[in-house]
Amino acid sequence: MAACVDCCRRPDAAALNLFPFGRSRPQIEESPLDCPVFPDLGLLLPAGHSGDDADDVWDQIRAEALADAEDEPLLAGYYSDLILRHESLEFALANYLASKLSISELLPAADLRDLFMTSLCADPAIQRAVRADLRAARDRDPACAKMVHCFLYYKGFLACQAHRIAHRLWITGRRSAALLIQSRSSEVFAVDIHPGARIGSGLLLDHATGVVIGETAIVGDDVSILHNVTLGGTGKDSGDRHPKIGDGVLVGAGTQILGNVSVGKGAKVGAGSVVLKDVPPRTTAVGNPARLIGGKANPVRLDRFAGLTMDHTSWSDYVI
């Protein structure tokens, strides 16, 4: 199976409609019985739904890659190898992650590529989450002009996708392989997410360097986390010992959230805070130790989810 994932030798994937993510919701089952087998590839791929479905995210990434290659001929070969020669986002992602995480003569890229493709094709939830993560970077990070830039250059995105694959391996009993991917991802991307952690879709790891997320942590959908954030334990506690981050939360740079505490939906945690107690939904916590803006009895409530607005400072009345 080592050499069979080279999508340059694939059949006509567009005709088979392997990765439908368009206007209508595909009906994809995880059972191998519902997946066509590519004899050339030795892989199970998600079954299509209808000929009208389209992968808008992948189409956009390819269009952006073509535009960049036209504007900067130096990038033509680079974009061709990493984007344009692949017929699906899954193949391109598996290939790129494998090239990043492989170790010469010890951990061949071809073996990792096969492993990653198997995981990506077996789990439609991962496929949807990858696309949601790309949209999140484009929509929330003003420095991200194109999704193709996020795919190629944003290590937070790449580390998150490596984690999604590692998590699937973890929950299906392949824990040694999951820990290997965690270790390599930590070394390469400087992002350390335990494969047991549960991560929702639409995650933005902005800058990402120094992010640490523990084994029993849960991160909801549409969460934005900046660099040097720890979702950790408090010491030698065992069992469920890590934070639970609700949907739409914004966690500022350098924040430490420790223990089995909850940060409610839409809340904001200011940069450099140390959170040791629960943060109610749609509130703002700042400081060391963190305190609620407006006080515990009557905290100021946010109108919108902070993880989507990316508004770090509107709570502050600080003046020089």
C-alpha atoms as a PDB file:
ATOM      1  CA  MET A   1       0.000   0.000   0.000  1.00  0.00           C
ATOM      2  CA  ALA A   2       3.035   2.257   0.354  1.00  0.00           C
ATOM      3  CA  ALA A   3       3.153   3.672  -3.134  1.00  0.00           C
ATOM      4  CA  CYS A   4      -0.545   3.409  -3.926  1.00  0.00           C
ATOM      5  CA  VAL A   5      -1.633   6.775  -2.562  1.00  0.00           C
ATOM      6  CA  ASP A   6      -0.040   8.806  -5.345  1.00  0.00           C
ATOM      7  CA  CYS A   7      -3.086  10.586  -6.672  1.00  0.00           C
ATOM      8  CA  CYS A   8      -1.366  11.325  -9.977  1.00  0.00           C
ATOM      9  CA  ARG A   9      -2.251   7.746 -10.962  1.00  0.00           C
ATOM     10  CA  ARG A  10      -5.794   7.833  -9.654  1.00  0.00           C
ATOM     11  CA  PRO A  11      -8.886   7.190 -11.751  1.00  0.00           C
ATOM     12  CA  ASP A  12     -11.138  10.147 -12.557  1.00  0.00           C
ATOM     13  CA  ALA A  13     -12.064  11.213  -9.019  1.00  0.00           C
ATOM     14  CA  ALA A  14     -14.318  14.021 -10.213  1.00  0.00           C
ATOM     15  CA  ALA A  15     -16.485  11.542 -12.087  1.00  0.00           C
ATOM     16  CA  LEU A  16     -16.757   9.353  -9.008  1.00  0.00           C
ATOM     17  CA  ASN A  17     -17.562  12.378  -6.802  1.00  0.00           C
ATOM     18  CA  LEU A  18     -15.505  11.102  -3.881  1.00  0.00           C
ATOM     19  CA  PHE A  19     -15.529  14.129  -1.605  1.00  0.00           C
ATOM     20  CA  PRO A  20     -18.884  15.923  -1.825  1.00  0.00           C
ATOM     21  CA  PHE A  21     -19.049  19.047   0.334  1.00  0.00           C
ATOM     22  CA  GLY A  22     -21.318  21.467  -1.401  1.00  0.00           C
ATOM     23  CA  ARG A  23     -24.796  22.852  -1.249  1.00  0.00           C
ATOM     24  CA  SER A  24     -26.504  19.621  -0.222  1.00  0.00           C
ATOM     25  CA  ARG A  25     -25.451  17.580   2.786  1.00  0.00           C
ATOM     26  CA  PRO A  26     -23.865  14.269   1.778  1.00  0.00           C
ATOM     27  CA  GLN A  27     -25.114  11.073   3.344  1.00  0.00           C
ATOM     28  CA  ILE A  28     -21.840   9.382   4.267  1.00  0.00           C
ATOM     29  CA  GLU A  29     -21.613   6.363   6.495  1.00  0.00           C
ATOM     30  CA  GLU A  30     -18.440   5.228   8.232  1.00  0.00           C
ATOM     31  CA  SER A  31     -19.060   1.569   7.490  1.00  0.00           C
ATOM     32  CA  PRO A  32     -16.636   0.104   4.927  1.00  0.00           C
ATOM     33  CA  LEU A  33     -19.665  -1.441   3.214  1.00  0.00           C
ATOM     34  CA  ASP A  34     -20.720   2.029   2.048  1.00  0.00           C
ATOM     35  CA  CYS A  35     -17.324   2.987   0.646  1.00  0.00           C
ATOM     36  CA  PRO A  36     -16.113   2.185  -2.851  1.00  0.00           C
ATOM     37  CA  VAL A  37     -12.677   0.621  -3.033  1.00  0.00           C
ATOM     38  CA  PHE A  38     -10.017   1.984  -5.375  1.00  0.00           C
ATOM     39  CA  PRO A  39      -8.130  -1.111  -6.543  1.00  0.00           C
ATOM     40  CA  ASP A  40      -5.177   1.091  -7.546  1.00  0.00           C
ATOM     41  CA  LEU A  41      -5.014   2.710  -4.144  1.00  0.00           C
ATOM     42  CA  GLY A  42      -5.973   0.002  -1.706  1.00  0.00           C
ATOM     43  CA  LEU A  43      -7.969   2.654   0.199  1.00  0.00           C
ATOM     44  CA  LEU A  44     -11.587   3.031   1.224  1.00  0.00           C
ATOM     45  CA  LEU A  45     -12.940   6.402   0.117  1.00  0.00           C
ATOM     46  CA  PRO A  46     -16.184   8.087   1.192  1.00  0.00           C
ATOM     47  CA  ALA A  47     -19.087   7.285  -1.085  1.00  0.00           C
ATOM     48  CA  GLY A  48     -20.558  10.110  -3.134  1.00  0.00           C
ATOM     49  CA  HIS A  49     -24.091  11.440  -2.804  1.00  0.00           C
ATOM     50  CA  SER A  50     -25.148  13.196  -6.004  1.00  0.00           C
ATOM     51  CA  GLY A  51     -23.485  14.513  -9.121  1.00  0.00           C
ATOM     52  CA  ASP A  52     -24.486  18.072  -8.186  1.00  0.00           C
ATOM     53  CA  ASP A  53     -22.358  18.195  -5.057  1.00  0.00           C
ATOM     54  CA  ALA A  54     -19.110  20.162  -5.119  1.00  0.00           C
ATOM     55  CA  ASP A  55     -16.217  20.744  -2.767  1.00  0.00           C
ATOM     56  CA  ASP A  56     -16.274  24.532  -2.738  1.00  0.00           C
ATOM     57  CA  VAL A  57     -13.347  24.843  -0.319  1.00  0.00           C
ATOM     58  CA  TRP A  58     -11.023  22.688  -2.419  1.00  0.00           C
ATOM     59  CA  ASP A  59     -12.129  24.431  -5.617  1.00  0.00           C
ATOM     60  CA  GLN A  60     -11.316  27.788  -4.020  1.00  0.00           C
ATOM     61  CA  ILE A  61      -7.903  26.624  -2.804  1.00  0.00           C
ATOM     62  CA  ARG A  62      -7.007  25.383  -6.277  1.00  0.00           C
ATOM     63  CA  ALA A  63      -8.140  28.657  -7.858  1.00  0.00           C
ATOM     64  CA  GLU A  64      -6.048  30.626  -5.345  1.00  0.00           C
ATOM     65  CA  ALA A  65      -3.031  28.423  -6.036  1.00  0.00           C
ATOM     66  CA  LEU A  66      -3.350  28.988  -9.770  1.00  0.00           C
ATOM     67  CA  ALA A  67      -3.611  32.756  -9.250  1.00  0.00           C
ATOM     68  CA  ASP A  68      -0.548  32.803  -6.982  1.00  0.00           C
ATOM     69  CA  ALA A  69       1.475  30.694  -9.417  1.00  0.00           C
ATOM     70  CA  GLU A  70       0.569  33.062 -12.239  1.00  0.00           C
ATOM     71  CA  ASP A  71       1.569  36.103 -10.187  1.00  0.00           C
ATOM     72  CA  GLU A  72       4.795  34.509  -8.932  1.00  0.00           C
ATOM     73  CA  PRO A  73       6.278  31.954 -11.380  1.00  0.00           C
ATOM     74  CA  LEU A  74       8.816  30.919  -8.736  1.00  0.00           C
ATOM     75  CA  LEU A  75       5.956  29.191  -6.898  1.00  0.00           C
ATOM     76  CA  ALA A  76       4.626  27.263  -9.903  1.00  0.00           C
ATOM     77  CA  GLY A  77       6.389  23.987  -9.108  1.00  0.00           C
ATOM     78  CA  TYR A  78       5.714  24.326  -5.384  1.00  0.00           C
ATOM     79  CA  TYR A  79       1.982  24.844  -5.863  1.00  0.00           C
ATOM     80  CA  SER A  80       1.819  22.116  -8.484  1.00  0.00           C
ATOM     81  CA  ASP A  81       3.385  19.515  -6.197  1.00  0.00           C
ATOM     82  CA  LEU A  82       1.449  20.411  -3.051  1.00  0.00           C
ATOM     83  CA  ILE A  83      -1.921  21.530  -4.450  1.00  0.00           C
ATOM     84  CA  LEU A  84      -2.642  21.322  -8.151  1.00  0.00           C
ATOM     85  CA  ARG A  85      -1.644  17.734  -8.864  1.00  0.00           C
ATOM     86  CA  HIS A  86      -4.030  16.450  -6.191  1.00  0.00           C
ATOM     87  CA  GLU A  87      -7.687  15.838  -6.930  1.00  0.00           C
ATOM     88  CA  SER A  88      -8.992  16.236  -3.378  1.00  0.00           C
ATOM     89  CA  LEU A  89      -8.234  18.175  -0.231  1.00  0.00           C
ATOM     90  CA  GLU A  90      -7.780  14.889   1.640  1.00  0.00           C
ATOM     91  CA  PHE A  91      -5.049  13.649  -0.693  1.00  0.00           C
ATOM     92  CA  ALA A  92      -3.245  16.988  -0.642  1.00  0.00           C
ATOM     93  CA  LEU A  93      -3.436  17.228   3.162  1.00  0.00           C
ATOM     94  CA  ALA A  94      -2.256  13.659   3.727  1.00  0.00           C
ATOM     95  CA  ASN A  95       0.655  14.186   1.365  1.00  0.00           C
ATOM     96  CA  TYR A  96       1.686  17.524   2.896  1.00  0.00           C
ATOM     97  CA  LEU A  97       1.430  16.398   6.521  1.00  0.00           C
ATOM     98  CA  ALA A  98       3.400  13.258   5.704  1.00  0.00           C
ATOM     99  CA  SER A  99       6.194  15.304   4.155  1.00  0.00           C
ATOM    100  CA  LYS A 100       6.291  17.537   7.238  1.00  0.00           C
ATOM    101  CA  LEU A 101       6.235  14.798   9.873  1.00  0.00           C
ATOM    102  CA  SER A 102       8.342  12.104   8.233  1.00  0.00           C
ATOM    103  CA  ILE A 103      11.871  11.248   9.412  1.00  0.00           C
ATOM    104  CA  SER A 104      14.457  10.279   6.826  1.00  0.00           C
ATOM    105  CA  GLU A 105      15.286   6.546   6.971  1.00  0.00           C
ATOM    106  CA  LEU A 106      13.179   6.092  10.129  1.00  0.00           C
ATOM    107  CA  LEU A 107       9.607   7.180   9.354  1.00  0.00           C
ATOM    108  CA  PRO A 108       8.984   7.198   5.587  1.00  0.00           C
ATOM    109  CA  ALA A 109       6.633   9.803   4.163  1.00  0.00           C
ATOM    110  CA  ALA A 110       4.874   7.152   2.055  1.00  0.00           C
ATOM    111  CA  ASP A 111       3.908   5.146   5.137  1.00  0.00           C
ATOM    112  CA  LEU A 112       2.589   8.229   6.918  1.00  0.00           C
ATOM    113  CA  ARG A 113       0.687   9.299   3.816  1.00  0.00           C
ATOM    114  CA  ASP A 114      -1.103   5.948   3.692  1.00  0.00           C
ATOM    115  CA  LEU A 115      -1.919   6.147   7.392  1.00  0.00           C
ATOM    116  CA  PHE A 116      -3.229   9.709   7.098  1.00  0.00           C
ATOM    117  CA  MET A 117      -5.321   8.956   4.017  1.00  0.00           C
ATOM    118  CA  THR A 118      -6.915   5.952   5.699  1.00  0.00           C
ATOM    119  CA  SER A 119      -7.891   8.084   8.711  1.00  0.00           C
ATOM    120  CA  LEU A 120      -9.151  11.019   6.662  1.00  0.00           C
ATOM    121  CA  CYS A 121     -11.227   8.869   4.323  1.00  0.00           C
ATOM    122  CA  ALA A 122     -12.739   6.856   7.163  1.00  0.00           C
ATOM    123  CA  ASP A 123     -14.103   9.840   9.086  1.00  0.00           C
ATOM    124  CA  PRO A 124     -16.472  12.341   7.412  1.00  0.00           C
ATOM    125  CA  ALA A 125     -16.440  14.440  10.599  1.00  0.00           C
ATOM    126  CA  ILE A 126     -12.723  15.106  10.119  1.00  0.00           C
ATOM    127  CA  GLN A 127     -13.324  16.029   6.485  1.00  0.00           C
ATOM    128  CA  ARG A 128     -15.931  18.606   7.503  1.00  0.00           C
ATOM    129  CA  ALA A 129     -13.756  19.933  10.338  1.00  0.00           C
ATOM    130  CA  VAL A 130     -10.755  20.468   8.022  1.00  0.00           C
ATOM    131  CA  ARG A 131     -12.883  22.696   5.805  1.00  0.00           C
ATOM    132  CA  ALA A 132     -14.361  24.546   8.771  1.00  0.00           C
ATOM    133  CA  ASP A 133     -10.836  25.225  10.091  1.00  0.00           C
ATOM    134  CA  LEU A 134      -9.778  26.675   6.738  1.00  0.00           C
ATOM    135  CA  ARG A 135     -12.816  28.953   6.651  1.00  0.00           C
ATOM    136  CA  ALA A 136     -12.147  30.017  10.235  1.00  0.00           C
ATOM    137  CA  ALA A 137      -8.655  31.244   9.393  1.00  0.00           C
ATOM    138  CA  ARG A 138      -9.889  33.113   6.336  1.00  0.00           C
ATOM    139  CA  ASP A 139     -12.803  34.736   8.179  1.00  0.00           C
ATOM    140  CA  ARG A 140     -11.185  35.569  11.528  1.00  0.00           C
ATOM    141  CA  ASP A 141      -7.507  36.225  10.823  1.00  0.00           C
ATOM    142  CA  PRO A 142      -7.014  39.542   8.996  1.00  0.00           C
ATOM    143  CA  ALA A 143      -3.560  38.327   7.910  1.00  0.00           C
ATOM    144  CA  CYS A 144      -5.071  35.359   6.047  1.00  0.00           C
ATOM    145  CA  ALA A 145      -6.008  36.623   2.605  1.00  0.00           C
ATOM    146  CA  LYS A 146      -6.478  33.177   1.054  1.00  0.00           C
ATOM    147  CA  MET A 147      -7.284  29.681   2.277  1.00  0.00           C
ATOM    148  CA  VAL A 148      -4.384  28.302   0.249  1.00  0.00           C
ATOM    149  CA  HIS A 149      -2.027  30.327   2.457  1.00  0.00           C
ATOM    150  CA  CYS A 150      -3.584  28.795   5.566  1.00  0.00           C
ATOM    151  CA  PHE A 151      -3.200  25.303   4.095  1.00  0.00           C
ATOM    152  CA  LEU A 152       0.447  25.775   3.181  1.00  0.00           C
ATOM    153  CA  TYR A 153       1.868  28.176   5.745  1.00  0.00           C
ATOM    154  CA  TYR A 154      -0.232  28.170   8.956  1.00  0.00           C
ATOM    155  CA  LYS A 155       1.314  25.699  11.348  1.00  0.00           C
ATOM    156  CA  GLY A 156      -1.641  26.037  13.694  1.00  0.00           C
ATOM    157  CA  PHE A 157      -3.905  24.642  10.991  1.00  0.00           C
ATOM    158  CA  LEU A 158      -1.488  21.832  10.162  1.00  0.00           C
ATOM    159  CA  ALA A 159      -0.978  20.925  13.827  1.00  0.00           C
ATOM    160  CA  CYS A 160      -4.737  20.786  14.321  1.00  0.00           C
ATOM    161  CA  GLN A 161      -5.209  18.413  11.390  1.00  0.00           C
ATOM    162  CA  ALA A 162      -2.379  16.199  12.627  1.00  0.00           C
ATOM    163  CA  HIS A 163      -4.201  16.090  15.956  1.00  0.00           C
ATOM    164  CA  ARG A 164      -7.498  15.153  14.327  1.00  0.00           C
ATOM    165  CA  ILE A 165      -5.808  12.148  12.733  1.00  0.00           C
ATOM    166  CA  ALA A 166      -4.008  11.259  15.981  1.00  0.00           C
ATOM    167  CA  HIS A 167      -7.277  11.495  17.925  1.00  0.00           C
ATOM    168  CA  ARG A 168      -8.989   9.065  15.572  1.00  0.00           C
ATOM    169  CA  LEU A 169      -6.105   6.628  16.007  1.00  0.00           C
ATOM    170  CA  TRP A 170      -6.314   7.109  19.786  1.00  0.00           C
ATOM    171  CA  ILE A 171     -10.024   6.318  20.054  1.00  0.00           C
ATOM    172  CA  THR A 172      -9.725   3.323  17.718  1.00  0.00           C
ATOM    173  CA  GLY A 173      -7.031   1.691  19.837  1.00  0.00           C
ATOM    174  CA  ARG A 174      -3.900   2.639  17.875  1.00  0.00           C
ATOM    175  CA  ARG A 175      -2.449   4.637  20.712  1.00  0.00           C
ATOM    176  CA  SER A 176       1.226   4.139  19.956  1.00  0.00           C
ATOM    177  CA  ALA A 177       0.732   5.562  16.455  1.00  0.00           C
ATOM    178  CA  ALA A 178      -1.292   8.431  17.919  1.00  0.00           C
ATOM    179  CA  LEU A 179       1.470   9.317  20.370  1.00  0.00           C
ATOM    180  CA  LEU A 180       4.026   9.191  17.570  1.00  0.00           C
ATOM    181  CA  ILE A 181       2.049  11.762  15.580  1.00  0.00           C
ATOM    182  CA  GLN A 182       1.650  13.936  18.680  1.00  0.00           C
ATOM    183  CA  SER A 183       5.396  13.845  19.296  1.00  0.00           C
ATOM    184  CA  ARG A 184       6.311  14.673  15.707  1.00  0.00           C
ATOM    185  CA  SER A 185       3.731  17.453  15.541  1.00  0.00           C
ATOM    186  CA  SER A 186       5.092  18.959  18.739  1.00  0.00           C
ATOM    187  CA  GLU A 187       8.634  18.869  17.360  1.00  0.00           C
ATOM    188  CA  VAL A 188       7.753  20.258  13.934  1.00  0.00           C
ATOM    189  CA  PHE A 189       4.972  22.753  14.721  1.00  0.00           C
ATOM    190  CA  ALA A 190       5.698  23.613  18.397  1.00  0.00           C
ATOM    191  CA  VAL A 191       2.091  22.718  19.236  1.00  0.00           C
ATOM    192  CA  ASP A 192       1.502  19.928  21.764  1.00  0.00           C
ATOM    193  CA  ILE A 193      -2.025  18.478  21.775  1.00  0.00           C
ATOM    194  CA  HIS A 194      -2.540  15.140  23.486  1.00  0.00           C
ATOM    195  CA  PRO A 195      -4.319  12.734  21.114  1.00  0.00           C
ATOM    196  CA  GLY A 196      -6.977  12.098  23.750  1.00  0.00           C
ATOM    197  CA  ALA A 197      -8.157  15.733  23.695  1.00  0.00           C
ATOM    198  CA  ARG A 198     -11.441  16.400  21.888  1.00  0.00           C
ATOM    199  CA  ILE A 199     -11.361  19.337  19.484  1.00  0.00           C
ATOM    200  CA  GLY A 200     -14.392  20.798  17.708  1.00  0.00           C
ATOM    201  CA  SER A 201     -14.565  22.209  14.200  1.00  0.00           C
ATOM    202  CA  GLY A 202     -13.851  25.753  13.091  1.00  0.00           C
ATOM    203  CA  LEU A 203     -10.791  26.028  15.360  1.00  0.00           C
ATOM    204  CA  LEU A 204      -8.342  28.881  14.830  1.00  0.00           C
ATOM    205  CA  LEU A 205      -4.907  28.446  16.408  1.00  0.00           C
ATOM    206  CA  ASP A 206      -3.567  31.912  15.673  1.00  0.00           C
ATOM    207  CA  HIS A 207       0.268  31.911  15.513  1.00  0.00           C
ATOM    208  CA  ALA A 208       0.002  28.691  17.559  1.00  0.00           C
ATOM    209  CA  THR A 209       3.553  28.491  18.935  1.00  0.00           C
ATOM    210  CA  GLY A 210       3.575  27.097  22.458  1.00  0.00           C
ATOM    211  CA  VAL A 211      -0.044  25.884  22.575  1.00  0.00           C
ATOM    212  CA  VAL A 212      -0.442  22.929  24.964  1.00  0.00           C
ATOM    213  CA  ILE A 213      -3.723  21.003  25.341  1.00  0.00           C
ATOM    214  CA  GLY A 214      -4.017  18.133  27.801  1.00  0.00           C
ATOM    215  CA  GLU A 215      -5.469  14.656  27.469  1.00  0.00           C
ATOM    216  CA  THR A 216      -8.958  15.218  28.890  1.00  0.00           C
ATOM    217  CA  ALA A 217      -9.471  18.736  27.565  1.00  0.00           C
ATOM    218  CA  ILE A 218     -12.500  19.485  25.391  1.00  0.00           C
ATOM    219  CA  VAL A 219     -12.572  22.391  22.941  1.00  0.00           C
ATOM    220  CA  GLY A 220     -15.891  23.294  21.324  1.00  0.00           C
ATOM    221  CA  ASP A 221     -16.720  24.597  17.874  1.00  0.00           C
ATOM    222  CA  ASP A 222     -15.655  28.015  16.513  1.00  0.00           C
ATOM    223  CA  VAL A 223     -13.017  28.573  19.207  1.00  0.00           C
ATOM    224  CA  SER A 224     -10.059  30.932  18.689  1.00  0.00           C
ATOM    225  CA  ILE A 225      -6.843  30.325  20.655  1.00  0.00           C
ATOM    226  CA  LEU A 226      -3.686  32.396  20.408  1.00  0.00           C
ATOM    227  CA  HIS A 227      -0.065  31.431  21.031  1.00  0.00           C
ATOM    228  CA  ASN A 228       1.430  30.224  24.326  1.00  0.00           C
ATOM    229  CA  VAL A 229      -1.904  29.051  25.701  1.00  0.00           C
ATOM    230  CA  THR A 230      -2.060  26.081  28.065  1.00  0.00           C
ATOM    231  CA  LEU A 231      -5.171  24.010  28.713  1.00  0.00           C
ATOM    232  CA  GLY A 232      -3.550  21.960  31.423  1.00  0.00           C
ATOM    233  CA  GLY A 233      -3.896  20.159  34.717  1.00  0.00           C
ATOM    234  CA  THR A 234      -3.099  21.384  38.202  1.00  0.00           C
ATOM    235  CA  GLY A 235      -0.539  18.770  39.171  1.00  0.00           C
ATOM    236  CA  LYS A 236      -0.779  15.047  39.746  1.00  0.00           C
ATOM    237  CA  ASP A 237      -4.567  14.716  39.579  1.00  0.00           C
ATOM    238  CA  SER A 238      -5.702  11.748  37.511  1.00  0.00           C
ATOM    239  CA  GLY A 239      -8.886  11.172  35.562  1.00  0.00           C
ATOM    240  CA  ASP A 240     -10.828  14.085  34.079  1.00  0.00           C
ATOM    241  CA  ARG A 241      -8.419  16.893  34.929  1.00  0.00           C
ATOM    242  CA  HIS A 242      -8.287  19.396  32.044  1.00  0.00           C
ATOM    243  CA  PRO A 243     -10.364  22.416  30.979  1.00  0.00           C
ATOM    244  CA  LYS A 244     -13.611  22.357  28.997  1.00  0.00           C
ATOM    245  CA  ILE A 245     -13.827  25.217  26.488  1.00  0.00           C
ATOM    246  CA  GLY A 246     -17.295  26.027  25.137  1.00  0.00           C
ATOM    247  CA  ASP A 247     -18.300  27.009  21.618  1.00  0.00           C
ATOM    248  CA  GLY A 248     -17.207  30.422  20.363  1.00  0.00           C
ATOM    249  CA  VAL A 249     -14.652  31.139  23.119  1.00  0.00           C
ATOM    250  CA  LEU A 250     -11.661  33.448  22.597  1.00  0.00           C
ATOM    251  CA  VAL A 251      -8.494  32.632  24.575  1.00  0.00           C
ATOM    252  CA  GLY A 252      -5.866  35.389  24.517  1.00  0.00           C
ATOM    253  CA  ALA A 253      -2.123  34.938  24.126  1.00  0.00           C
ATOM    254  CA  GLY A 254      -0.189  33.544  27.083  1.00  0.00           C
ATOM    255  CA  THR A 255      -3.295  32.408  28.961  1.00  0.00           C
ATOM    256  CA  GLN A 256      -3.095  29.457  31.336  1.00  0.00           C
ATOM    257  CA  ILE A 257      -6.367  27.616  32.047  1.00  0.00           C
ATOM    258  CA  LEU A 258      -5.697  24.931  34.612  1.00  0.00           C
ATOM    259  CA  GLY A 259      -7.756  22.093  36.014  1.00  0.00           C
ATOM    260  CA  ASN A 260     -11.180  20.673  35.224  1.00  0.00           C
ATOM    261  CA  VAL A 261     -12.792  24.095  34.866  1.00  0.00           C
ATOM    262  CA  SER A 262     -15.327  25.305  32.337  1.00  0.00           C
ATOM    263  CA  VAL A 263     -15.163  28.362  30.086  1.00  0.00           C
ATOM    264  CA  GLY A 264     -18.721  28.968  28.908  1.00  0.00           C
ATOM    265  CA  LYS A 265     -19.970  29.570  25.395  1.00  0.00           C
ATOM    266  CA  GLY A 266     -18.905  32.840  23.790  1.00  0.00           C
ATOM    267  CA  ALA A 267     -16.679  33.900  26.688  1.00  0.00           C
ATOM    268  CA  LYS A 268     -13.407  35.796  26.426  1.00  0.00           C
ATOM    269  CA  VAL A 269     -10.216  35.234  28.428  1.00  0.00           C
ATOM    270  CA  GLY A 270      -7.790  38.140  28.260  1.00  0.00           C
ATOM    271  CA  ALA A 271      -4.132  37.717  27.339  1.00  0.00           C
ATOM    272  CA  GLY A 272      -1.856  36.533  30.123  1.00  0.00           C
ATOM    273  CA  SER A 273      -4.677  35.436  32.421  1.00  0.00           C
ATOM    274  CA  VAL A 274      -4.517  32.469  34.780  1.00  0.00           C
ATOM    275  CA  VAL A 275      -7.916  30.787  35.026  1.00  0.00           C
ATOM    276  CA  LEU A 276      -8.518  28.452  37.955  1.00  0.00           C
ATOM    277  CA  LYS A 277     -12.322  28.688  38.260  1.00  0.00           C
ATOM    278  CA  ASP A 278     -15.278  28.459  35.890  1.00  0.00           C
ATOM    279  CA  VAL A 279     -15.948  31.371  33.543  1.00  0.00           C
ATOM    280  CA  PRO A 280     -19.670  31.896  32.781  1.00  0.00           C
ATOM    281  CA  PRO A 281     -20.896  32.120  29.178  1.00  0.00           C
ATOM    282  CA  ARG A 282     -20.491  35.430  27.320  1.00  0.00           C
ATOM    283  CA  THR A 283     -18.358  37.000  30.050  1.00  0.00           C
ATOM    284  CA  THR A 284     -14.801  38.321  30.101  1.00  0.00           C
ATOM    285  CA  ALA A 285     -12.148  37.063  32.520  1.00  0.00           C
ATOM    286  CA  VAL A 286      -8.797  38.804  32.931  1.00  0.00           C
ATOM    287  CA  GLY A 287      -5.838  38.839  35.308  1.00  0.00           C
ATOM    288  CA  ASN A 288      -3.831  36.524  37.532  1.00  0.00           C
ATOM    289  CA  PRO A 289      -5.822  34.995  39.064  1.00  0.00           C
ATOM    290  CA  ALA A 290      -8.557  35.748  36.527  1.00  0.00           C
ATOM    291  CA  ARG A 291     -11.553  37.809  37.586  1.00  0.00           C
ATOM    292  CA  LEU A 292     -14.744  38.658  35.732  1.00  0.00           C
ATOM    293  CA  ILE A 293     -15.169  42.135  34.258  1.00  0.00           C
ATOM    294  CA  GLY A 294     -18.080  43.712  36.112  1.00  0.00           C
ATOM    295  CA  GLY A 295     -17.668  41.391  39.083  1.00  0.00           C
ATOM    296  CA  LYS A 296     -18.924  37.942  39.915  1.00  0.00           C
ATOM    297  CA  ALA A 297     -22.388  39.113  40.965  1.00  0.00           C
ATOM    298  CA  ASN A 298     -23.124  41.154  37.830  1.00  0.00           C
ATOM    299  CA  PRO A 299     -20.551  40.424  35.097  1.00  0.00           C
ATOM    300  CA  VAL A 300     -20.619  42.337  31.836  1.00  0.00           C
ATOM    301  CA  ARG A 301     -22.228  40.162  29.162  1.00  0.00           C
ATOM    302  CA  LEU A 302     -20.929  40.018  25.598  1.00  0.00           C
ATOM    303  CA  ASP A 303     -23.384  40.522  22.746  1.00  0.00           C
ATOM    304  CA  ARG A 304     -21.586  38.143  20.388  1.00  0.00           C
ATOM    305  CA  PHE A 305     -19.343  35.098  20.642  1.00  0.00           C
ATOM    306  CA  ALA A 306     -15.826  36.383  21.295  1.00  0.00           C
ATOM    307  CA  GLY A 307     -14.245  33.537  19.355  1.00  0.00           C
ATOM    308  CA  LEU A 308     -15.876  34.851  16.193  1.00  0.00           C
ATOM    309  CA  THR A 309     -15.394  38.595  16.723  1.00  0.00           C
ATOM    310  CA  MET A 310     -11.718  38.241  17.769  1.00  0.00           C
ATOM    311  CA  ASP A 311     -12.203  41.388  19.879  1.00  0.00           C
ATOM    312  CA  HIS A 312      -9.458  41.258  22.509  1.00  0.00           C
ATOM    313  CA  THR A 313      -9.630  44.709  24.090  1.00  0.00           C
ATOM    314  CA  SER A 314     -13.118  46.282  24.050  1.00  0.00           C
ATOM    315  CA  TRP A 315     -13.611  45.376  27.719  1.00  0.00           C
ATOM    316  CA  SER A 316     -10.693  47.516  28.853  1.00  0.00           C
ATOM    317  CA  ASP A 317     -10.870  51.029  30.331  1.00  0.00           C
ATOM    318  CA  TYR A 318      -7.076  51.152  30.611  1.00  0.00           C
ATOM    319  CA  VAL A 319      -5.510  54.574  29.973  1.00  0.00           C
ATOM    320  CA  ILE A 320      -1.920  55.852  30.078  1.00  0.00           C
END
